[in-house]
Amino acid sequence: MDAARIVVEVLQYYGYIGLAVAAAFLLFGIERVDPRAHRTYTFRPLLIPGCIVLWPLVIARWVAAERQRG
């Protein structure tokens, strides 16, 4: 029972981090990763589930885009 509780808590925290990354990325970072996403406010909510699940990849792409910019 304790192992299951630990797995659930780890997944919960992973989701919390993903939600925070998704919010920050969709508010501030998406236009830096993809300039064509400028003013696509109705499209951004569709990206939330993917950003939550794939937040390490989102951060990596965001950092790479920032390094390319300057």
Foldseek 3Di string as FASTA:
>chain_A
DVVVVVVVVVVVVLLVVLQVLLVCCLVPQPCLLPVVCPPVVVCSVVCSVVSSVPVVVSVVSSVVSVVVVD
